[in-house]
Structure formats: C-alpha cells, structure tokens
Amino acid sequence: MKEIISYGRFQCKELTPHKNRGMEITFIEKGMMEWIVEGVPEKVESGSVFFTLPWQGHGSLNPQEPDNTVWHVLFHLEKDYPCPRKGFRFSEMLGFTDSEMKLLSSTFCSSEKHAFRATPAMRWLMPALINELQSTHELRKLHSFSLLRAVLVELKRTVSGEAVDTDTHSWSEKKVQSLLTKLSSNCDQQWTLKQMADRCGIQRTRLNAVFQKLTGGTPMEYLSRLRMQRAKTLLRETDIKVIDIAFECGFSSSQYFANTFKHATGMTPSGYRTHCAGLTADELRKWKDIDFRSEQEERRRVQTFSAK
C-alpha cells in the first residue's frame, strides 16, 4: 500500500529530530515522554494521541525514551507540503470531499497542540488500523482506508474539543485515578504497593490490573516514570545539586539515581543538564530547517523498534 509509509506497534527507543513526508499519528499505549514540535516541548503521557504534519520538525529532548509502547501510522498526503500551510489535501484514496478535506486539514494546521488525551474511540481505532494493515485479508486495503478515515475524523473531533469521552470507570478505577493525581505531586514519598492499595481500598492484585489498564504498566513502573520526569524538569530548569534532586524525587541514594537515570536516558544527570543547557532558543528554532527523513529510513526505523 504505497499511500502508507510506515505503521506498527513498537517501542520508540529514540526520537531524534526529523520531518516526515506525510502526516504521522501515534497513540501512546504506555510511557511518559517529552517531545518537541518546532522547538516547543510537549509532554506525552500514556493514553495520549499525538500527530504531526509534514513541515513540522519534531523529536525528543532526550537521546533515549525508555519503557514505552506506541501504535504508529505515517501516510502520504496529496504531496509533500514542506512549508507551513493553512490547509492541505489528503490522498484521493481516502475519499474525502473538498469541503471535508478543508474542515479536517484546517483544524490540524491551526492547532498549537499536538498531544491530546485519546478518546475511547481512538484507543480502539489505532490498534484496529495497525492490525488491519498487518493482516493478509483480501479486503485489507479497503478496510484499512476506512479505519484511517475514522481515525482522522476522531482526531479532528479531539483537537477541536468536540469529541465525547464516553469512557466510564468502575469504583476502583476512580480510586486509582485519584491516586495517580496524588502520586504526581508526591513522587518523593517512599510508596509501597500496600500503601497504594490501602489508599484506594482495594487488593494489590486489583491495583495492578487497574494500573495496567490506565497507564499501561505496573504501579511501580508508573511511579518510576513520574520520578524520572520530575528529575528531568529539575535538571533542566533549576541549579539544584544532583544529590538534592535525587532525594527530592524519591531516590534512596545519589548513586542509585545516577544509575537509574543513565539506564533510562543514556546520559548521566550532569550530562543531561549540560545537554539541555545547549538547547537554546536558536537551537530549537533550527528544528524547522530539518530535511525530510526518507521513506526507507522511516521503514527501517519502525522495523528496528517493532514490539513483539
């Protein structure tokens, strides 16, 4: 299917600055990442949907993005569109009318944000699309384009604030949602599974199951990601000593923090601070001048990262 450049479910271990010859849509099943679009940082959490357009240079603040799983599709538009526009045209294969294309594309072009909470419909549609693209069904192409049309319509509704989040949560899921908020502001505390379960009033086995549904990982994996995000923010935005950051983020020792941080990012905490200090406004603006990544490079990258 030449209209589709790349697709798959994979672990996105790195996201170096690049542009794509098409529109990219990614659903983050698991993870907590820091991506930049044209020099502007955006936090992308599990349960988010993220999109970019051809002229938008994007990538990560970090050399490595640890422990995450995404569903991704990159597809051609009518042409490459290397420069910013107020609208664009989709491939004729998608079957949109001129007025539908104008409505969809103008919404995407005018959006200042690129990461949004995925609706229940989007959380179903993206895996369904990727699974269909990977199938051998004789009507695979027809069904794939139908699903991609639905993804684009749901994304438009999400970006414009029209989408309805019809997801309903059980009593235990609401309790865990409340705990997630608590953990975000208290990640320095020495939380145990028992403490988390007791706070929610549920058994630890149920706690793990709900965390898997809501965050894509275990309670301790989620807490570790929160601590790492907090540490990165402090390293970038303050002059607090590394040892003090370690304790402020809930790590038991500076050495354990340093080892965990390097495993997650490929850099020491001090190295990360130096790296981020070099990301001046001028450097970030250079992201707009990045060349397109070739289709062959994109496909090789996705094949390398593909999750089993």
Foldseek 3Di string as FASTA:
>chain_A
DQQWLDWAKFDQFFWPKFFAQFKKKKQWQAFWFWKDWLLRIDIAAHQKMFMDGRLITMTGLFRTGPDTIMTMTGGHAPGRCNDQDQFGGGDCLLVDDPVRRNLLGNLVSPFPGGMFRQAPVLVVLRVVLRVLVVDPDPCSSVVNSVSVNVNSVSVSCRSVVNDDRPDDDDLLLVLVVVVLVVLLVVLLDPDDLVNSCVSSVHDSVVQQVSCCNPHVGGPVVSSVSSLLVQLLCCLQPHPDDQQVSCNSSNHPGSVVVQVVNCVRRVDGSNRSSVSNVPCDSVNSNCSSVHDHDDSVVVHVSCVVGHDD
